[in-house]
């Protein structure tokens, strides 16, 4: 039975991922497989999540502390409707097992996961110029010409308020992959430099649409890159 489900899943995944119906069929059989193997599935064979060992006034996870239903691709196999949370301090993806154990997934085997409406993928070093470190990245925009993604993390800051010594602060770094190179985007200047052409038109576009990197970094980067792609198609 399990072998048959593997074969069906493998065949489905060889077809176009753009087909919405295909995704539903793939997820259906993957869910059946996950039910069949229960807690013996490879995704539940990692190490247990360890406590931080100190008190903080907030949590280190993406969006919320609790687990949320998500979609996971692990070792090329799709697992729909699994319970996930992303630790932004340790950059770990955690899965809740059927026996309620919190398991840290082996990052090298994670292709991508989807939670809270976001698509997060694991990036391996590829040797291209400016390649960011290995880790989990949130995909923001992807075409044949551009791939824009964000490194989200949390770091500790001393607080010493009441019983809490620390709290977590959020940090974001944006990267653009274009023409076989990566560009770290840190401000308006590096954004425009990463795109190379149409600098004057992009400045006008940003002013007209009140796009300010300091106030709205994600939407500014996203909309400016989309506009640059439109300009280069003319």
C-alpha atoms as a PDB file:
ATOM      1  CA  UNK A   1       0.000   0.000   0.000  1.00  0.00           C
ATOM      2  CA  UNK A   2       2.711   2.485   1.031  1.00  0.00           C
ATOM      3  CA  UNK A   3       4.817   1.586  -2.010  1.00  0.00           C
ATOM      4  CA  UNK A   4       1.835   2.250  -4.267  1.00  0.00           C
ATOM      5  CA  UNK A   5       1.266   5.638  -2.673  1.00  0.00           C
ATOM      6  CA  UNK A   6       4.936   6.511  -3.166  1.00  0.00           C
ATOM      7  CA  UNK A   7       4.714   5.574  -6.854  1.00  0.00           C
ATOM      8  CA  UNK A   8       1.563   7.613  -7.396  1.00  0.00           C
ATOM      9  CA  UNK A   9       3.095  10.584  -5.606  1.00  0.00           C
ATOM     10  CA  UNK A  10       6.331  10.348  -7.573  1.00  0.00           C
ATOM     11  CA  UNK A  11       4.498  10.271 -10.903  1.00  0.00           C
ATOM     12  CA  UNK A  12       2.326  13.226  -9.943  1.00  0.00           C
ATOM     13  CA  UNK A  13       5.317  15.318  -8.974  1.00  0.00           C
ATOM     14  CA  UNK A  14       6.950  14.837 -12.353  1.00  0.00           C
ATOM     15  CA  UNK A  15       4.117  16.754 -14.031  1.00  0.00           C
ATOM     16  CA  UNK A  16       3.774  20.526 -14.154  1.00  0.00           C
ATOM     17  CA  UNK A  17       3.564  22.130 -10.698  1.00  0.00           C
ATOM     18  CA  UNK A  18       1.469  24.933 -12.197  1.00  0.00           C
ATOM     19  CA  UNK A  19      -1.586  22.732 -12.515  1.00  0.00           C
ATOM     20  CA  UNK A  20      -3.890  23.458  -9.577  1.00  0.00           C
ATOM     21  CA  UNK A  21      -5.745  20.190 -10.016  1.00  0.00           C
ATOM     22  CA  UNK A  22      -2.451  18.298  -9.965  1.00  0.00           C
ATOM     23  CA  UNK A  23      -1.556  19.912  -6.653  1.00  0.00           C
ATOM     24  CA  UNK A  24      -4.848  18.777  -5.162  1.00  0.00           C
ATOM     25  CA  UNK A  25      -4.301  15.209  -6.389  1.00  0.00           C
ATOM     26  CA  UNK A  26      -0.708  15.193  -5.129  1.00  0.00           C
ATOM     27  CA  UNK A  27      -1.729  16.522  -1.722  1.00  0.00           C
ATOM     28  CA  UNK A  28      -4.523  13.953  -1.497  1.00  0.00           C
ATOM     29  CA  UNK A  29      -2.208  10.983  -1.984  1.00  0.00           C
ATOM     30  CA  UNK A  30       0.495  12.502   0.188  1.00  0.00           C
ATOM     31  CA  UNK A  31      -2.029  12.874   3.005  1.00  0.00           C
ATOM     32  CA  UNK A  32      -2.949   9.223   2.550  1.00  0.00           C
ATOM     33  CA  UNK A  33       0.697   8.245   2.733  1.00  0.00           C
ATOM     34  CA  UNK A  34       1.252  10.276   5.880  1.00  0.00           C
ATOM     35  CA  UNK A  35      -1.748   8.627   7.525  1.00  0.00           C
ATOM     36  CA  UNK A  36      -0.479   5.187   6.526  1.00  0.00           C
ATOM     37  CA  UNK A  37       2.999   5.568   7.995  1.00  0.00           C
ATOM     38  CA  UNK A  38       1.828   7.606  11.010  1.00  0.00           C
ATOM     39  CA  UNK A  39       4.625   8.411  13.455  1.00  0.00           C
ATOM     40  CA  UNK A  40       7.185   6.303  11.565  1.00  0.00           C
ATOM     41  CA  UNK A  41       7.384   8.847   8.718  1.00  0.00           C
ATOM     42  CA  UNK A  42      10.857  10.214   7.971  1.00  0.00           C
ATOM     43  CA  UNK A  43       9.765  13.739   8.878  1.00  0.00           C
ATOM     44  CA  UNK A  44       9.268  12.659  12.493  1.00  0.00           C
ATOM     45  CA  UNK A  45      12.744  11.157  12.917  1.00  0.00           C
ATOM     46  CA  UNK A  46      14.638  14.355  13.786  1.00  0.00           C
ATOM     47  CA  UNK A  47      15.837  15.666  17.136  1.00  0.00           C
ATOM     48  CA  UNK A  48      13.494  16.991  19.781  1.00  0.00           C
ATOM     49  CA  UNK A  49      13.149  20.747  20.044  1.00  0.00           C
ATOM     50  CA  UNK A  50      15.083  22.071  23.042  1.00  0.00           C
ATOM     51  CA  UNK A  51      13.924  24.877  25.359  1.00  0.00           C
ATOM     52  CA  UNK A  52      15.773  28.184  25.238  1.00  0.00           C
ATOM     53  CA  UNK A  53      16.981  27.991  28.822  1.00  0.00           C
ATOM     54  CA  UNK A  54      16.156  31.611  29.693  1.00  0.00           C
ATOM     55  CA  UNK A  55      13.047  33.770  30.065  1.00  0.00           C
ATOM     56  CA  UNK A  56      11.935  36.231  27.400  1.00  0.00           C
ATOM     57  CA  UNK A  57       9.020  38.642  27.214  1.00  0.00           C
ATOM     58  CA  UNK A  58       7.979  37.407  23.751  1.00  0.00           C
ATOM     59  CA  UNK A  59       8.499  34.385  21.512  1.00  0.00           C
ATOM     60  CA  UNK A  60      10.994  33.563  18.765  1.00  0.00           C
ATOM     61  CA  UNK A  61       8.619  32.093  16.173  1.00  0.00           C
ATOM     62  CA  UNK A  62       7.245  33.325  12.843  1.00  0.00           C
ATOM     63  CA  UNK A  63       3.867  35.054  13.329  1.00  0.00           C
ATOM     64  CA  UNK A  64       2.697  33.004  16.329  1.00  0.00           C
ATOM     65  CA  UNK A  65       4.059  30.715  19.031  1.00  0.00           C
ATOM     66  CA  UNK A  66       1.628  27.875  18.474  1.00  0.00           C
ATOM     67  CA  UNK A  67       1.662  25.354  15.658  1.00  0.00           C
ATOM     68  CA  UNK A  68      -0.276  26.072  12.483  1.00  0.00           C
ATOM     69  CA  UNK A  69      -1.416  23.801   9.675  1.00  0.00           C
ATOM     70  CA  UNK A  70       1.001  24.027   6.773  1.00  0.00           C
ATOM     71  CA  UNK A  71       2.242  22.352   3.615  1.00  0.00           C
ATOM     72  CA  UNK A  72       5.717  20.838   3.578  1.00  0.00           C
ATOM     73  CA  UNK A  73       8.009  19.459   0.875  1.00  0.00           C
ATOM     74  CA  UNK A  74      10.598  17.227   2.556  1.00  0.00           C
ATOM     75  CA  UNK A  75      13.069  15.162   0.547  1.00  0.00           C
ATOM     76  CA  UNK A  76      10.994  15.731  -2.583  1.00  0.00           C
ATOM     77  CA  UNK A  77       7.796  14.433  -0.941  1.00  0.00           C
ATOM     78  CA  UNK A  78       4.817  16.711  -0.310  1.00  0.00           C
ATOM     79  CA  UNK A  79       3.165  16.538   3.124  1.00  0.00           C
ATOM     80  CA  UNK A  80      -0.021  18.613   3.255  1.00  0.00           C
ATOM     81  CA  UNK A  81      -1.808  19.512   6.474  1.00  0.00           C
ATOM     82  CA  UNK A  82       1.072  19.069   8.908  1.00  0.00           C
ATOM     83  CA  UNK A  83       1.556  21.107  12.070  1.00  0.00           C
ATOM     84  CA  UNK A  84       4.523  23.486  11.719  1.00  0.00           C
ATOM     85  CA  UNK A  85       6.198  26.482  13.305  1.00  0.00           C
ATOM     86  CA  UNK A  86       9.368  28.341  12.289  1.00  0.00           C
ATOM     87  CA  UNK A  87      11.895  29.321  14.959  1.00  0.00           C
ATOM     88  CA  UNK A  88      13.418  32.619  13.746  1.00  0.00           C
ATOM     89  CA  UNK A  89      16.060  32.745  16.478  1.00  0.00           C
ATOM     90  CA  UNK A  90      17.616  29.348  15.698  1.00  0.00           C
ATOM     91  CA  UNK A  91      16.350  29.177  12.101  1.00  0.00           C
ATOM     92  CA  UNK A  92      14.734  25.798  12.737  1.00  0.00           C
ATOM     93  CA  UNK A  93      11.553  24.372  11.263  1.00  0.00           C
ATOM     94  CA  UNK A  94       9.579  22.469  13.892  1.00  0.00           C
ATOM     95  CA  UNK A  95       6.938  19.820  13.232  1.00  0.00           C
ATOM     96  CA  UNK A  96       4.450  18.417  15.730  1.00  0.00           C
ATOM     97  CA  UNK A  97       4.378  14.610  15.608  1.00  0.00           C
ATOM     98  CA  UNK A  98       1.213  12.496  16.039  1.00  0.00           C
ATOM     99  CA  UNK A  99       2.432  11.754  19.584  1.00  0.00           C
ATOM    100  CA  UNK A 100       2.722  15.517  20.246  1.00  0.00           C
ATOM    101  CA  UNK A 101       6.523  15.614  20.204  1.00  0.00           C
ATOM    102  CA  UNK A 102       8.077  18.791  18.799  1.00  0.00           C
ATOM    103  CA  UNK A 103      10.654  17.675  16.223  1.00  0.00           C
ATOM    104  CA  UNK A 104      13.310  19.797  14.503  1.00  0.00           C
ATOM    105  CA  UNK A 105      13.338  18.924  10.814  1.00  0.00           C
ATOM    106  CA  UNK A 106      16.672  18.347   9.116  1.00  0.00           C
ATOM    107  CA  UNK A 107      17.029  21.590   7.138  1.00  0.00           C
ATOM    108  CA  UNK A 108      19.046  19.924   4.362  1.00  0.00           C
ATOM    109  CA  UNK A 109      16.002  17.787   3.512  1.00  0.00           C
ATOM    110  CA  UNK A 110      13.455  20.628   3.534  1.00  0.00           C
ATOM    111  CA  UNK A 111      12.634  21.873   0.031  1.00  0.00           C
ATOM    112  CA  UNK A 112       9.995  24.396   1.113  1.00  0.00           C
ATOM    113  CA  UNK A 113       7.080  24.923   3.457  1.00  0.00           C
ATOM    114  CA  UNK A 114       4.008  27.145   3.441  1.00  0.00           C
ATOM    115  CA  UNK A 115       2.528  28.677   6.587  1.00  0.00           C
ATOM    116  CA  UNK A 116       0.589  31.867   7.348  1.00  0.00           C
ATOM    117  CA  UNK A 117       0.206  32.560   3.630  1.00  0.00           C
ATOM    118  CA  UNK A 118       3.984  32.623   3.057  1.00  0.00           C
ATOM    119  CA  UNK A 119       6.198  30.369   0.934  1.00  0.00           C
ATOM    120  CA  UNK A 120       9.522  29.663   2.660  1.00  0.00           C
ATOM    121  CA  UNK A 121      12.297  27.659   1.035  1.00  0.00           C
ATOM    122  CA  UNK A 122      15.647  26.298   2.169  1.00  0.00           C
ATOM    123  CA  UNK A 123      18.511  27.813   0.216  1.00  0.00           C
ATOM    124  CA  UNK A 124      21.716  25.895  -0.440  1.00  0.00           C
ATOM    125  CA  UNK A 125      24.921  27.738  -1.472  1.00  0.00           C
ATOM    126  CA  UNK A 126      25.206  27.684  -5.278  1.00  0.00           C
ATOM    127  CA  UNK A 127      28.548  29.399  -5.983  1.00  0.00           C
ATOM    128  CA  UNK A 128      27.050  32.481  -7.662  1.00  0.00           C
ATOM    129  CA  UNK A 129      28.432  35.902  -6.808  1.00  0.00           C
ATOM    130  CA  UNK A 130      26.946  37.339  -3.620  1.00  0.00           C
ATOM    131  CA  UNK A 131      25.155  34.115  -2.648  1.00  0.00           C
ATOM    132  CA  UNK A 132      23.636  34.489   0.837  1.00  0.00           C
ATOM    133  CA  UNK A 133      24.307  31.923   3.594  1.00  0.00           C
ATOM    134  CA  UNK A 134      22.395  28.652   3.706  1.00  0.00           C
ATOM    135  CA  UNK A 135      19.106  28.860   5.558  1.00  0.00           C
ATOM    136  CA  UNK A 136      15.371  29.449   5.301  1.00  0.00           C
ATOM    137  CA  UNK A 137      14.174  32.388   3.187  1.00  0.00           C
ATOM    138  CA  UNK A 138      10.727  33.821   2.502  1.00  0.00           C
ATOM    139  CA  UNK A 139       9.961  34.092  -1.217  1.00  0.00           C
ATOM    140  CA  UNK A 140       8.502  37.481  -2.178  1.00  0.00           C
ATOM    141  CA  UNK A 141       8.628  37.540  -5.983  1.00  0.00           C
ATOM    142  CA  UNK A 142       9.776  35.134  -8.652  1.00  0.00           C
ATOM    143  CA  UNK A 143       9.881  35.319 -12.459  1.00  0.00           C
ATOM    144  CA  UNK A 144      12.250  34.090 -15.146  1.00  0.00           C
ATOM    145  CA  UNK A 145      14.310  37.237 -14.635  1.00  0.00           C
ATOM    146  CA  UNK A 146      14.108  38.027 -10.924  1.00  0.00           C
ATOM    147  CA  UNK A 147      13.921  36.148  -7.641  1.00  0.00           C
ATOM    148  CA  UNK A 148      13.329  38.325  -4.594  1.00  0.00           C
ATOM    149  CA  UNK A 149      13.503  36.774  -1.149  1.00  0.00           C
ATOM    150  CA  UNK A 150      13.805  37.839   2.474  1.00  0.00           C
ATOM    151  CA  UNK A 151      15.841  36.530   5.377  1.00  0.00           C
ATOM    152  CA  UNK A 152      13.759  36.947   8.524  1.00  0.00           C
ATOM    153  CA  UNK A 153      15.354  36.383  11.894  1.00  0.00           C
ATOM    154  CA  UNK A 154      15.001  37.328  15.535  1.00  0.00           C
ATOM    155  CA  UNK A 155      17.800  38.327  17.867  1.00  0.00           C
ATOM    156  CA  UNK A 156      18.019  38.831  21.618  1.00  0.00           C
ATOM    157  CA  UNK A 157      17.998  42.213  23.287  1.00  0.00           C
ATOM    158  CA  UNK A 158      18.485  42.713  27.007  1.00  0.00           C
ATOM    159  CA  UNK A 159      15.371  43.960  28.732  1.00  0.00           C
ATOM    160  CA  UNK A 160      15.623  43.348  32.512  1.00  0.00           C
ATOM    161  CA  UNK A 161      11.956  44.175  33.043  1.00  0.00           C
ATOM    162  CA  UNK A 162      10.266  42.318  35.893  1.00  0.00           C
ATOM    163  CA  UNK A 163      11.155  38.611  35.599  1.00  0.00           C
ATOM    164  CA  UNK A 164      12.287  38.844  31.956  1.00  0.00           C
ATOM    165  CA  UNK A 165      15.920  39.451  31.074  1.00  0.00           C
ATOM    166  CA  UNK A 166      15.539  39.427  27.279  1.00  0.00           C
ATOM    167  CA  UNK A 167      13.117  40.103  24.484  1.00  0.00           C
ATOM    168  CA  UNK A 168      13.294  39.230  20.788  1.00  0.00           C
ATOM    169  CA  UNK A 169      13.673  41.827  18.058  1.00  0.00           C
ATOM    170  CA  UNK A 170      12.930  41.228  14.380  1.00  0.00           C
ATOM    171  CA  UNK A 171      15.503  41.567  11.623  1.00  0.00           C
ATOM    172  CA  UNK A 172      14.955  41.434   7.842  1.00  0.00           C
ATOM    173  CA  UNK A 173      17.414  41.234   4.961  1.00  0.00           C
ATOM    174  CA  UNK A 174      16.362  41.375   1.309  1.00  0.00           C
ATOM    175  CA  UNK A 175      18.130  39.641  -1.568  1.00  0.00           C
ATOM    176  CA  UNK A 176      17.580  39.872  -5.309  1.00  0.00           C
ATOM    177  CA  UNK A 177      18.859  37.223  -7.703  1.00  0.00           C
ATOM    178  CA  UNK A 178      19.373  38.643 -11.193  1.00  0.00           C
ATOM    179  CA  UNK A 179      21.686  37.751 -14.089  1.00  0.00           C
ATOM    180  CA  UNK A 180      23.495  34.953 -12.209  1.00  0.00           C
ATOM    181  CA  UNK A 181      24.339  37.211  -9.260  1.00  0.00           C
ATOM    182  CA  UNK A 182      22.831  38.058  -5.883  1.00  0.00           C
ATOM    183  CA  UNK A 183      22.358  41.582  -4.566  1.00  0.00           C
ATOM    184  CA  UNK A 184      21.826  42.493  -0.926  1.00  0.00           C
ATOM    185  CA  UNK A 185      19.253  45.277  -0.709  1.00  0.00           C
ATOM    186  CA  UNK A 186      19.694  47.512   2.334  1.00  0.00           C
ATOM    187  CA  UNK A 187      18.273  50.866   1.259  1.00  0.00           C
ATOM    188  CA  UNK A 188      16.945  52.837  -1.723  1.00  0.00           C
ATOM    189  CA  UNK A 189      20.429  53.246  -3.224  1.00  0.00           C
ATOM    190  CA  UNK A 190      21.303  49.535  -3.149  1.00  0.00           C
ATOM    191  CA  UNK A 191      17.842  48.714  -4.515  1.00  0.00           C
ATOM    192  CA  UNK A 192      18.357  50.943  -7.544  1.00  0.00           C
ATOM    193  CA  UNK A 193      21.939  49.728  -7.984  1.00  0.00           C
ATOM    194  CA  UNK A 194      20.780  46.114  -8.003  1.00  0.00           C
ATOM    195  CA  UNK A 195      18.424  46.812 -10.907  1.00  0.00           C
ATOM    196  CA  UNK A 196      20.993  48.714 -12.960  1.00  0.00           C
ATOM    197  CA  UNK A 197      18.814  50.424 -15.581  1.00  0.00           C
ATOM    198  CA  UNK A 198      15.842  52.841 -15.642  1.00  0.00           C
ATOM    199  CA  UNK A 199      17.063  54.623 -12.532  1.00  0.00           C
ATOM    200  CA  UNK A 200      15.314  57.917 -13.360  1.00  0.00           C
ATOM    201  CA  UNK A 201      11.969  56.268 -14.137  1.00  0.00           C
ATOM    202  CA  UNK A 202      12.135  54.177 -10.962  1.00  0.00           C
ATOM    203  CA  UNK A 203      12.793  57.233  -8.799  1.00  0.00           C
ATOM    204  CA  UNK A 204       9.756  58.929 -10.350  1.00  0.00           C
ATOM    205  CA  UNK A 205       7.691  55.801  -9.775  1.00  0.00           C
ATOM    206  CA  UNK A 206       8.716  55.620  -6.114  1.00  0.00           C
ATOM    207  CA  UNK A 207       7.876  59.288  -5.533  1.00  0.00           C
ATOM    208  CA  UNK A 208       4.525  59.029  -7.318  1.00  0.00           C
ATOM    209  CA  UNK A 209       3.541  55.990  -5.234  1.00  0.00           C
ATOM    210  CA  UNK A 210       5.029  57.252  -1.956  1.00  0.00           C
ATOM    211  CA  UNK A 211       7.319  54.241  -1.671  1.00  0.00           C
ATOM    212  CA  UNK A 212       9.793  54.836   1.142  1.00  0.00           C
ATOM    213  CA  UNK A 213      12.292  52.135   1.970  1.00  0.00           C
ATOM    214  CA  UNK A 214      12.803  53.256   5.573  1.00  0.00           C
ATOM    215  CA  UNK A 215       9.079  53.126   6.348  1.00  0.00           C
ATOM    216  CA  UNK A 216       7.897  50.284   4.095  1.00  0.00           C
ATOM    217  CA  UNK A 217      10.909  48.212   3.009  1.00  0.00           C
ATOM    218  CA  UNK A 218       9.125  45.071   1.785  1.00  0.00           C
ATOM    219  CA  UNK A 219       6.438  46.783  -0.303  1.00  0.00           C
ATOM    220  CA  UNK A 220       8.994  49.304  -1.652  1.00  0.00           C
ATOM    221  CA  UNK A 221      11.365  46.591  -2.840  1.00  0.00           C
ATOM    222  CA  UNK A 222       8.560  44.445  -4.229  1.00  0.00           C
ATOM    223  CA  UNK A 223       6.778  47.185  -6.177  1.00  0.00           C
ATOM    224  CA  UNK A 224      10.001  48.743  -7.514  1.00  0.00           C
ATOM    225  CA  UNK A 225      11.257  45.419  -8.874  1.00  0.00           C
ATOM    226  CA  UNK A 226       7.892  44.762 -10.514  1.00  0.00           C
ATOM    227  CA  UNK A 227       8.022  48.208 -12.132  1.00  0.00           C
ATOM    228  CA  UNK A 228      11.567  47.600 -13.379  1.00  0.00           C
ATOM    229  CA  UNK A 229      10.435  44.379 -15.010  1.00  0.00           C
ATOM    230  CA  UNK A 230       7.579  46.250 -16.703  1.00  0.00           C
ATOM    231  CA  UNK A 231       9.965  48.918 -17.988  1.00  0.00           C
ATOM    232  CA  UNK A 232      12.415  46.398 -19.410  1.00  0.00           C
ATOM    233  CA  UNK A 233       9.634  44.684 -21.348  1.00  0.00           C
ATOM    234  CA  UNK A 234       8.724  47.837 -23.298  1.00  0.00           C
END
